[in-house]
Amino acid sequence: MTVISDQEIADFSADFNTNSKNQVASRAARRSGLLEASFNDRVSERLNHVFSTELDVGGVTDQKHSGRCWEFATLNVLRHYFGKQNKVKDFTFSQAYNFFWDKIERANAFYDAMIRLADKPLNDREVQSWLAFAGEDGGLWSMAINLVKKYGVVPSYAMPESFNSNNTTGLIDSLARKERKDAIALRKLVSEGSSQDEIEKAKKHFLNEVYRMVSVALGEPPKKFDLEYRDDDKKYHLERDLTPREFVQKYFKDFKFDDYVVLSNCPNHEFNKLYHMPLYDNVDGGDQIKFLNVPIEYLAQAAVAQLKSGDAVIFGNDVLKQMERKTGYLDTELYQTDKLFGVDTKMSKADRLATGEGFATHDMTLVGVDEDHGHIRKWKVENSWGDKFGHKGFYEMSQPWFEDYVYDVVVRKEFLTKEQVELAEGLAVDLKPWDNIG
C-alpha cells in the first residue's frame, strides 16, 4: 500500500482551486444536494406523456415498503388480461396471497439446499449464497408464475394487504434468522449420519414453524372466495365458492403461461445462450428459472411487438439509476453528476455487471411506446409505487435508458426469431449463484 503524502494532498487542493467553477459547483451541491444540483430539466422535452402505442390499463398499484415488485408486475399483467377479457380494467389481485406461498415454497427450497450442501463447509461460496438469500422477498416473473400455477390467484379483497405485507422488513428478517438457524440443525443431522426419515421429519417441523410465522404475519390465505365485481358497463357479476386454482383454470384458460420467455441483455455473458439460475428455482417441481441472453435490440423489438398486440410487458431494470420519482423520468442524461464533478464515470453495460455496478433491482411493466417511423423515442412505464409519483404513477423512459439499464423483458415466443425459439426450448447452462446476470 502506498501512503498519500502531504505534498500530494497539497497538489490535489491546488488543482481543485485552480478552476473557479469547482467552488461554484461545490456551493450548489452543498446547498441543494448532488442530484438536484446536476438535474437536467431539458429531458422533459422528449419525455412528454404522449405515446404512439398505449394500452388502456386503469390505475396503478403500490407495493409500499417491500421487495415484491416482481409479484406486482406479474399480477399487473394478469389483471390487465383479466380486465380486457371481462371489461373490468381496475380489477386487482392480491399480492399478499402469492407472497404468503412464496415464503413457504422458498423456505422449502432453502432447506433442501442446506441438506444437499451439508457436506460443504459453511464458508463455501455456494452455501454462503443460499444463506444470504434466506428470507428474501425479491424475485422474478418465472418465480411468480410458478406460484400462480400451483396456488392460483385471488382478488385483492379476498386477502387484502396488511402492515406486514406492505412493510416486509420484520417478516423477512425473522424468516432469515430462523432459516439460518435451521440450516445449522439440518447440517448437523446430515453430518451425524441421521436417516433420511429423521432429516425429513426435522425439515417438516421447520416448515410447519415457517407456516405459523407467515400466518401470524399475513393471515392464512383463503381456500375459497366469491368472485364479485361490476364491469365497465356497470353490469354486476357474482360467482360463489371459487378456489384460487379454479379461478385461474377458468378465467386464464387461454393465457398460455408456457409461451412466455425471459429475454435478457447481460453482455458480461455470452449472447444467444439459455441460462438457468438454480438459486431462484422457488417451487419444487415447478419450472426452472431461465433467461435467453441476446443483444438489446431484440428486447426492444419483442417488447414493441407485444405492446402492439395489446399486451403489457414486464421488464427487469436498475430503477435507481438516473431516475426521479417526482417526475417519473428515466433518462441517461437526467443527473449530470460527471459534469458537476469534472470526471468520467461512464462504463459499458458489461463492465457494470462484471464489477457489481449494474444489477436489476426492480420489475415494472411497459404499457406504451412512442415511435417515429420505427425509431423508438420513449416508453410508458407502469410502476407499483402508487399514484403520488410520476404521472399518476406512470413513468416515462427514454430509449437510451432502456439500452443501458434494462436487463430483461418477458415476451411471448411468437415475437422471437425462429433461432431464439429453438434456443429457448433447448438445454440451459447452469449459472453459479454469484454470477451477475442482471
Protein backbone atom coordinates (compact mmCIF):
# COMPACT_ATOMS: atom_id res chain seq x y z
CA MET A 1 0.00 0.00 0.00
CA THR A 2 1.28 3.46 -0.90
CA VAL A 3 0.94 6.25 1.66
CA ILE A 4 -0.67 9.50 0.48
CA SER A 5 1.92 12.22 1.15
CA ASP A 6 1.33 15.76 2.36
CA GLN A 7 2.69 17.03 -0.95
CA GLU A 8 0.14 15.01 -2.89
CA ILE A 9 -2.69 16.41 -0.79
CA ALA A 10 -1.37 19.94 -1.39
CA ASP A 11 -1.29 19.20 -5.14
CA PHE A 12 -4.90 17.93 -5.06
CA SER A 13 -6.03 21.07 -3.26
CA ALA A 14 -4.17 23.33 -5.68
CA ASP A 15 -5.71 21.54 -8.65
CA PHE A 16 -9.20 21.89 -7.16
CA ASN A 17 -8.77 25.61 -6.59
CA THR A 18 -7.25 26.29 -10.00
CA ASN A 19 -10.70 26.23 -11.60
CA SER A 20 -13.19 28.66 -10.05
CA LYS A 21 -16.09 26.57 -11.39
CA ASN A 22 -15.28 23.93 -8.77
CA GLN A 23 -16.24 26.34 -6.00
CA VAL A 24 -19.48 27.23 -7.76
CA ALA A 25 -20.32 23.55 -8.19
CA SER A 26 -19.48 22.84 -4.56
CA ARG A 27 -21.74 25.63 -3.27
CA ALA A 28 -24.64 24.41 -5.42
CA ALA A 29 -24.12 20.78 -4.40
CA ARG A 30 -23.84 21.59 -0.69
CA ARG A 31 -26.93 23.76 -0.82
CA SER A 32 -29.20 21.50 -2.91
CA GLY A 33 -27.58 18.06 -2.90
CA LEU A 34 -25.62 16.42 -5.69
CA LEU A 35 -28.60 15.14 -7.66
CA GLU A 36 -30.60 18.35 -7.54
CA ALA A 37 -27.54 20.42 -8.44
CA SER A 38 -26.90 18.24 -11.51
CA PHE A 39 -30.56 17.77 -12.54
CA ASN A 40 -31.14 18.27 -16.28
CA ASP A 41 -34.67 19.65 -16.73
CA ARG A 42 -34.32 19.58 -20.54
CA VAL A 43 -35.23 15.86 -20.59
CA SER A 44 -38.87 16.96 -20.26
CA GLU A 45 -38.72 17.99 -23.93
CA ARG A 46 -38.62 14.35 -25.00
CA LEU A 47 -40.47 12.72 -22.07
CA ASN A 48 -43.84 14.37 -22.63
CA HIS A 49 -46.53 11.75 -21.77
CA VAL A 50 -47.55 11.19 -25.42
CA PHE A 51 -47.20 7.73 -27.00
CA SER A 52 -47.95 6.30 -30.42
CA THR A 53 -48.96 2.95 -28.88
CA GLU A 54 -50.64 2.97 -25.47
CA LEU A 55 -52.63 0.36 -23.52
CA ASP A 56 -55.73 1.35 -21.55
CA VAL A 57 -54.88 -0.16 -18.16
CA GLY A 58 -56.61 1.87 -15.44
CA GLY A 59 -54.81 2.87 -12.24
CA VAL A 60 -51.56 1.71 -10.64
CA THR A 61 -50.79 -0.44 -7.61
CA ASP A 62 -48.49 0.22 -4.64
CA GLN A 63 -46.01 -2.27 -3.18
CA LYS A 64 -45.22 0.10 -0.29
CA HIS A 65 -42.07 -0.83 1.69
CA SER A 66 -41.47 -4.27 0.23
CA GLY A 67 -39.40 -6.01 -2.41
CA ARG A 68 -42.45 -7.55 -4.10
CA CYS A 69 -42.18 -5.65 -7.39
CA TRP A 70 -41.88 -8.95 -9.28
CA GLU A 71 -45.23 -10.12 -7.90
CA PHE A 72 -46.87 -6.75 -8.51
CA ALA A 73 -45.58 -6.61 -12.09
CA THR A 74 -46.69 -10.20 -12.79
CA LEU A 75 -50.14 -9.66 -11.30
CA ASN A 76 -50.41 -6.38 -13.22
CA VAL A 77 -50.01 -8.32 -16.47
CA LEU A 78 -52.60 -10.85 -15.30
CA ARG A 79 -55.06 -8.21 -14.15
CA HIS A 80 -54.73 -6.37 -17.46
CA TYR A 81 -55.52 -9.64 -19.24
CA PHE A 82 -58.49 -10.34 -16.95
CA GLY A 83 -59.68 -6.75 -17.34
CA LYS A 84 -59.55 -6.92 -21.13
CA GLN A 85 -61.33 -10.27 -21.25
CA ASN A 86 -64.05 -9.27 -18.79
CA LYS A 87 -64.31 -5.49 -19.39
CA VAL A 88 -63.17 -4.52 -15.87
CA LYS A 89 -59.86 -2.66 -16.17
CA ASP A 90 -59.45 -1.65 -12.49
CA PHE A 91 -59.85 -5.16 -11.03
CA THR A 92 -56.85 -6.10 -8.88
CA PHE A 93 -55.38 -9.31 -7.49
CA SER A 94 -53.97 -9.99 -4.03
CA GLN A 95 -50.21 -9.73 -3.87
CA ALA A 96 -50.34 -10.81 -0.22
CA TYR A 97 -51.81 -14.17 -1.25
CA ASN A 98 -48.94 -15.09 -3.59
CA PHE A 99 -46.42 -13.56 -1.20
CA PHE A 100 -47.64 -15.97 1.51
CA TRP A 101 -46.97 -19.02 -0.65
CA ASP A 102 -43.65 -17.62 -1.82
CA LYS A 103 -42.40 -17.65 1.75
CA ILE A 104 -43.45 -21.29 2.25
CA GLU A 105 -42.03 -22.51 -1.06
CA ARG A 106 -38.81 -20.58 -0.71
CA ALA A 107 -38.22 -21.96 2.76
CA ASN A 108 -38.71 -25.46 1.35
CA ALA A 109 -36.16 -24.80 -1.40
CA PHE A 110 -33.73 -23.36 1.16
CA TYR A 111 -33.97 -26.38 3.46
CA ASP A 112 -33.47 -28.76 0.52
CA ALA A 113 -30.35 -26.83 -0.49
CA MET A 114 -28.95 -26.92 3.02
CA ILE A 115 -29.41 -30.70 3.14
CA ARG A 116 -27.88 -31.14 -0.32
CA LEU A 117 -24.88 -28.93 0.52
CA ALA A 118 -24.36 -30.23 4.06
CA ASP A 119 -21.02 -31.82 3.17
CA LYS A 120 -19.58 -28.43 2.20
CA PRO A 121 -18.14 -26.02 4.80
CA LEU A 122 -20.21 -23.06 5.95
CA ASN A 123 -17.83 -20.66 4.24
CA ASP A 124 -18.28 -22.41 0.88
CA ARG A 125 -19.32 -19.85 -1.72
CA GLU A 126 -22.49 -21.72 -2.75
CA VAL A 127 -23.56 -22.29 0.85
CA GLN A 128 -22.97 -18.62 1.61
CA SER A 129 -25.07 -17.61 -1.40
CA TRP A 130 -28.02 -19.63 -0.09
CA LEU A 131 -27.58 -18.28 3.44
CA ALA A 132 -27.53 -14.72 2.08
CA PHE A 133 -30.73 -15.44 0.10
CA ALA A 134 -32.65 -16.74 3.13
CA GLY A 135 -35.92 -14.90 3.80
CA GLU A 136 -35.55 -12.56 0.81
CA ASP A 137 -38.68 -11.01 -0.72
CA GLY A 138 -37.25 -10.13 -4.14
CA GLY A 139 -37.88 -12.35 -7.13
CA LEU A 140 -38.64 -12.75 -10.83
CA TRP A 141 -41.53 -13.25 -13.26
CA SER A 142 -40.91 -17.00 -13.63
CA MET A 143 -40.95 -17.42 -9.85
CA ALA A 144 -44.28 -15.61 -9.65
CA ILE A 145 -45.74 -17.79 -12.43
CA ASN A 146 -44.62 -20.92 -10.57
CA LEU A 147 -46.70 -19.73 -7.62
CA VAL A 148 -49.69 -18.87 -9.81
CA LYS A 149 -49.60 -22.30 -11.48
CA LYS A 150 -49.53 -24.13 -8.14
CA TYR A 151 -51.67 -21.91 -5.90
CA GLY A 152 -53.75 -19.79 -8.28
CA VAL A 153 -54.68 -16.18 -7.54
CA VAL A 154 -57.40 -14.38 -5.59
CA PRO A 155 -58.92 -10.89 -5.84
CA SER A 156 -57.31 -8.27 -3.64
CA TYR A 157 -60.39 -8.13 -1.39
CA ALA A 158 -60.10 -11.88 -0.64
CA MET A 159 -56.70 -11.37 1.03
CA PRO A 160 -56.02 -7.66 1.39
CA GLU A 161 -52.71 -6.01 2.13
CA SER A 162 -51.71 -5.72 5.79
CA PHE A 163 -48.99 -3.94 7.73
CA ASN A 164 -46.56 -6.83 7.27
CA SER A 165 -47.16 -7.30 3.55
CA ASN A 166 -46.73 -3.56 2.99
CA ASN A 167 -43.69 -3.45 5.27
CA THR A 168 -41.87 -6.76 4.88
CA THR A 169 -38.68 -5.99 6.80
CA GLY A 170 -39.84 -7.55 10.08
CA LEU A 171 -41.05 -10.75 8.46
CA ILE A 172 -38.11 -11.35 6.13
CA ASP A 173 -35.64 -10.60 8.95
CA SER A 174 -37.39 -13.12 11.22
CA LEU A 175 -37.57 -15.75 8.48
CA ALA A 176 -33.92 -15.29 7.53
CA ARG A 177 -32.82 -15.67 11.15
CA LYS A 178 -34.93 -18.80 11.67
CA GLU A 179 -33.94 -20.45 8.39
CA ARG A 180 -30.24 -19.87 9.03
CA LYS A 181 -30.56 -21.44 12.47
CA ASP A 182 -32.46 -24.37 10.98
CA ALA A 183 -29.69 -24.77 8.42
CA ILE A 184 -27.23 -25.46 11.23
CA ALA A 185 -29.55 -28.13 12.66
CA LEU A 186 -30.10 -29.83 9.29
CA ARG A 187 -26.39 -29.82 8.51
CA LYS A 188 -25.71 -31.41 11.90
CA LEU A 189 -28.24 -34.19 11.27
CA VAL A 190 -26.56 -34.98 7.96
CA SER A 191 -23.05 -34.93 9.44
CA GLU A 192 -24.16 -37.27 12.24
CA GLY A 193 -25.43 -39.80 9.72
CA SER A 194 -29.13 -39.42 10.57
CA SER A 195 -31.59 -41.34 8.42
CA GLN A 196 -33.45 -39.71 5.56
CA ASP A 197 -36.68 -40.07 7.54
CA GLU A 198 -35.18 -38.22 10.52
CA ILE A 199 -33.92 -35.43 8.29
CA GLU A 200 -37.29 -35.12 6.50
CA LYS A 201 -39.10 -35.10 9.86
CA ALA A 202 -36.94 -32.20 11.05
CA LYS A 203 -37.48 -30.34 7.78
CA LYS A 204 -41.26 -30.78 8.03
CA HIS A 205 -41.16 -29.46 11.60
CA PHE A 206 -39.23 -26.39 10.46
CA LEU A 207 -41.65 -25.80 7.56
CA ASN A 208 -44.58 -26.05 9.96
CA GLU A 209 -42.98 -23.31 12.05
CA VAL A 210 -42.44 -21.16 8.95
CA TYR A 211 -46.12 -21.61 8.03
CA ARG A 212 -47.06 -20.47 11.54
CA MET A 213 -44.81 -17.40 11.30
CA VAL A 214 -46.15 -16.36 7.90
CA SER A 215 -49.76 -16.96 9.01
CA VAL A 216 -49.25 -14.76 12.07
CA ALA A 217 -47.71 -12.03 9.91
CA LEU A 218 -50.06 -12.16 6.91
CA GLY A 219 -53.06 -14.24 7.95
CA GLU A 220 -53.90 -17.58 6.40
CA PRO A 221 -54.75 -17.46 2.68
CA PRO A 222 -58.39 -18.11 1.68
CA LYS A 223 -59.28 -21.58 0.43
CA LYS A 224 -62.39 -20.29 -1.39
CA PHE A 225 -63.80 -16.89 -2.29
CA ASP A 226 -66.71 -15.27 -4.09
CA LEU A 227 -65.81 -13.50 -7.32
CA GLU A 228 -67.83 -10.30 -7.29
CA TYR A 229 -67.41 -7.21 -9.43
CA ARG A 230 -69.20 -4.66 -11.56
CA ASP A 231 -67.72 -4.34 -15.05
CA ASP A 232 -67.02 -1.15 -17.00
CA ASP A 233 -70.56 -1.27 -18.41
CA LYS A 234 -71.89 -1.32 -14.81
CA LYS A 235 -73.10 -4.92 -15.18
CA TYR A 236 -72.97 -6.90 -11.91
CA HIS A 237 -71.18 -10.28 -11.71
CA LEU A 238 -71.13 -12.86 -8.89
CA GLU A 239 -69.68 -16.37 -8.83
CA ARG A 240 -69.60 -18.15 -5.50
CA ASP A 241 -67.15 -20.56 -3.88
CA LEU A 242 -64.25 -20.48 -6.31
CA THR A 243 -60.91 -21.89 -5.22
CA PRO A 244 -57.82 -19.89 -6.26
CA ARG A 245 -56.81 -22.69 -8.67
CA GLU A 246 -60.31 -22.91 -10.17
CA PHE A 247 -60.24 -19.16 -10.77
CA VAL A 248 -57.04 -19.43 -12.84
CA GLN A 249 -58.24 -22.54 -14.67
CA LYS A 250 -61.49 -20.84 -15.68
CA TYR A 251 -60.53 -17.23 -16.31
CA PHE A 252 -56.99 -17.77 -17.62
CA LYS A 253 -57.57 -20.92 -19.66
CA ASP A 254 -56.43 -19.09 -22.81
CA PHE A 255 -53.48 -17.36 -21.14
CA LYS A 256 -50.59 -19.53 -22.29
CA PHE A 257 -48.15 -19.22 -19.38
CA ASP A 258 -45.62 -21.52 -21.05
CA ASP A 259 -45.46 -19.36 -24.18
CA TYR A 260 -43.52 -16.66 -22.35
CA VAL A 261 -39.74 -16.35 -22.46
CA VAL A 262 -37.44 -14.11 -20.45
CA LEU A 263 -35.12 -12.32 -22.89
CA SER A 264 -32.10 -10.93 -21.05
CA ASN A 265 -29.42 -8.49 -22.08
CA CYS A 266 -26.34 -9.19 -19.99
CA PRO A 267 -23.28 -8.56 -22.17
CA ASN A 268 -20.92 -9.89 -19.49
CA HIS A 269 -22.23 -13.34 -20.54
CA GLU A 270 -22.22 -14.92 -23.99
CA PHE A 271 -25.17 -13.99 -26.21
CA ASN A 272 -27.54 -16.48 -27.83
CA LYS A 273 -27.39 -18.87 -24.92
CA LEU A 274 -30.04 -20.06 -22.48
CA TYR A 275 -29.04 -19.76 -18.83
CA HIS A 276 -30.52 -21.34 -15.72
CA MET A 277 -30.31 -19.81 -12.22
CA PRO A 278 -30.80 -22.70 -9.73
CA LEU A 279 -30.77 -20.30 -6.77
CA TYR A 280 -34.09 -18.86 -7.96
CA ASP A 281 -35.91 -22.19 -8.50
CA ASN A 282 -38.53 -21.41 -5.88
CA VAL A 283 -41.08 -24.22 -6.31
CA ASP A 284 -40.10 -27.89 -6.15
CA GLY A 285 -41.46 -29.45 -9.33
CA GLY A 286 -42.05 -26.04 -10.89
CA ASP A 287 -40.43 -24.51 -13.93
CA GLN A 288 -36.73 -23.74 -13.84
CA ILE A 289 -35.81 -20.06 -13.83
CA LYS A 290 -34.23 -19.44 -17.22
CA PHE A 291 -33.05 -16.48 -19.31
CA LEU A 292 -32.25 -16.31 -23.02
CA ASN A 293 -29.38 -13.84 -23.35
CA VAL A 294 -29.47 -11.74 -26.56
CA PRO A 295 -28.39 -8.28 -27.80
CA ILE A 296 -30.52 -5.38 -26.54
CA GLU A 297 -32.21 -4.66 -29.88
CA TYR A 298 -34.10 -7.95 -29.66
CA LEU A 299 -35.55 -6.98 -26.27
CA ALA A 300 -36.83 -3.72 -27.73
CA GLN A 301 -38.23 -5.33 -30.89
CA ALA A 302 -40.10 -8.05 -28.98
CA ALA A 303 -41.44 -5.59 -26.40
CA VAL A 304 -42.79 -3.27 -29.10
CA ALA A 305 -44.42 -6.18 -30.94
CA GLN A 306 -46.12 -7.42 -27.77
CA LEU A 307 -47.40 -3.94 -26.91
CA LYS A 308 -48.81 -3.57 -30.42
CA SER A 309 -50.60 -6.89 -29.95
CA GLY A 310 -52.38 -5.31 -26.99
CA ASP A 311 -50.46 -6.92 -24.12
CA ALA A 312 -48.22 -5.40 -21.44
CA VAL A 313 -44.56 -6.37 -20.97
CA ILE A 314 -42.76 -6.99 -17.66
CA PHE A 315 -39.15 -5.82 -17.60
CA GLY A 316 -36.33 -6.02 -15.07
CA ASN A 317 -34.21 -2.92 -14.63
CA ASP A 318 -31.89 -0.91 -12.42
CA VAL A 319 -34.53 1.65 -11.44
CA LEU A 320 -32.43 3.72 -9.04
CA LYS A 321 -30.04 4.81 -11.78
CA GLN A 322 -30.88 8.13 -13.50
CA MET A 323 -34.46 8.19 -12.17
CA GLU A 324 -36.52 10.85 -10.41
CA ARG A 325 -39.63 9.73 -8.52
CA LYS A 326 -41.34 13.13 -8.57
CA THR A 327 -41.43 13.48 -12.36
CA GLY A 328 -41.19 9.78 -13.18
CA TYR A 329 -38.35 10.46 -15.61
CA LEU A 330 -35.95 7.65 -16.57
CA ASP A 331 -33.24 9.14 -18.77
CA THR A 332 -29.48 8.66 -19.05
CA GLU A 333 -28.96 12.44 -19.12
CA LEU A 334 -31.19 13.17 -16.11
CA TYR A 335 -28.46 13.72 -13.50
CA GLN A 336 -25.23 15.10 -14.96
CA THR A 337 -23.03 14.41 -11.95
CA ASP A 338 -19.96 13.78 -14.11
CA LYS A 339 -20.14 17.37 -15.34
CA LEU A 340 -20.64 18.58 -11.78
CA PHE A 341 -17.54 16.71 -10.57
CA GLY A 342 -15.49 17.08 -13.74
CA VAL A 343 -14.89 13.32 -14.02
CA ASP A 344 -15.87 10.49 -16.35
CA THR A 345 -17.62 7.52 -14.70
CA LYS A 346 -19.21 6.11 -17.87
CA MET A 347 -18.89 2.33 -18.07
CA SER A 348 -20.08 -0.24 -20.55
CA LYS A 349 -23.04 -2.37 -19.55
CA ALA A 350 -20.80 -5.44 -19.45
CA ASP A 351 -18.30 -3.72 -17.14
CA ARG A 352 -21.08 -2.51 -14.84
CA LEU A 353 -22.38 -6.07 -14.48
CA ALA A 354 -18.90 -7.54 -14.05
CA THR A 355 -17.99 -5.09 -11.28
CA GLY A 356 -21.36 -5.08 -9.46
CA GLU A 357 -22.14 -1.52 -10.52
CA GLY A 358 -25.03 -2.83 -12.64
CA PHE A 359 -27.84 -5.00 -11.34
CA ALA A 360 -31.56 -5.47 -11.92
CA THR A 361 -33.13 -4.02 -8.78
CA HIS A 362 -36.78 -3.67 -9.81
CA ASP A 363 -39.53 -5.05 -12.05
CA MET A 364 -42.02 -2.76 -13.81
CA THR A 365 -44.43 -3.04 -16.73
CA LEU A 366 -44.29 -1.49 -20.19
CA VAL A 367 -47.74 -0.27 -21.22
CA GLY A 368 -46.87 2.07 -24.08
CA VAL A 369 -44.22 3.07 -26.59
CA ASP A 370 -43.63 6.12 -28.78
CA GLU A 371 -42.16 5.50 -32.23
CA ASP A 372 -41.26 7.65 -35.22
CA HIS A 373 -41.01 5.53 -38.40
CA GLY A 374 -39.71 2.57 -36.40
CA HIS A 375 -37.35 4.65 -34.28
CA ILE A 376 -38.19 4.27 -30.57
CA ARG A 377 -38.39 7.63 -28.83
CA LYS A 378 -39.64 6.64 -25.38
CA TRP A 379 -41.65 4.12 -23.35
CA LYS A 380 -44.61 4.38 -20.98
CA VAL A 381 -43.96 2.50 -17.74
CA GLU A 382 -46.45 1.30 -15.15
CA ASN A 383 -44.77 1.26 -11.77
CA SER A 384 -46.01 -0.18 -8.46
CA TRP A 385 -45.13 2.75 -6.19
CA GLY A 386 -48.61 4.28 -6.00
CA ASP A 387 -50.06 7.25 -7.88
CA LYS A 388 -48.23 10.02 -5.99
CA PHE A 389 -45.05 9.64 -8.07
CA GLY A 390 -44.51 10.18 -11.77
CA HIS A 391 -47.53 10.97 -13.95
CA LYS A 392 -50.27 9.47 -11.73
CA GLY A 393 -48.00 6.50 -11.07
CA PHE A 394 -46.78 6.09 -14.66
CA TYR A 395 -43.18 6.82 -15.67
CA GLU A 396 -41.55 7.90 -18.95
CA MET A 397 -38.39 6.11 -20.06
CA SER A 398 -36.05 7.14 -22.87
CA GLN A 399 -34.67 4.58 -25.30
CA PRO A 400 -31.05 5.20 -24.19
CA TRP A 401 -32.15 4.40 -20.61
CA PHE A 402 -33.76 1.20 -21.89
CA GLU A 403 -30.50 0.21 -23.57
CA ASP A 404 -28.35 0.99 -20.53
CA TYR A 405 -30.46 -0.11 -17.56
CA VAL A 406 -32.98 -2.71 -18.77
CA TYR A 407 -31.75 -6.26 -18.23
CA ASP A 408 -34.70 -8.42 -19.27
CA VAL A 409 -38.19 -8.42 -20.80
CA VAL A 410 -40.87 -11.11 -20.60
CA VAL A 411 -42.36 -11.76 -24.04
CA ARG A 412 -44.24 -14.45 -25.92
CA LYS A 413 -42.36 -16.83 -28.20
CA GLU A 414 -44.21 -15.53 -31.25
CA PHE A 415 -42.16 -12.32 -31.02
CA LEU A 416 -38.81 -14.15 -31.07
CA THR A 417 -36.85 -15.28 -34.09
CA LYS A 418 -37.02 -18.96 -35.08
CA GLU A 419 -33.47 -19.46 -33.83
CA GLN A 420 -34.30 -17.84 -30.48
CA VAL A 421 -37.34 -20.10 -30.01
CA GLU A 422 -35.14 -23.13 -30.60
CA LEU A 423 -32.63 -21.86 -28.06
CA ALA A 424 -35.37 -21.10 -25.52
CA GLU A 425 -36.69 -24.65 -25.83
CA GLY A 426 -33.23 -26.23 -25.63
CA LEU A 427 -30.81 -27.07 -22.86
CA ALA A 428 -29.75 -24.34 -20.44
CA VAL A 429 -26.34 -23.60 -18.96
CA ASP A 430 -26.38 -23.65 -15.16
CA LEU A 431 -25.02 -20.47 -13.57
CA LYS A 432 -23.39 -20.20 -10.18
CA PRO A 433 -25.42 -18.34 -7.53
CA TRP A 434 -22.94 -15.48 -7.54
CA ASP A 435 -22.99 -14.94 -11.32
CA ASN A 436 -24.42 -11.47 -12.05
CA ILE A 437 -26.81 -11.85 -14.94
CA GLY A 438 -28.77 -8.70 -14.21
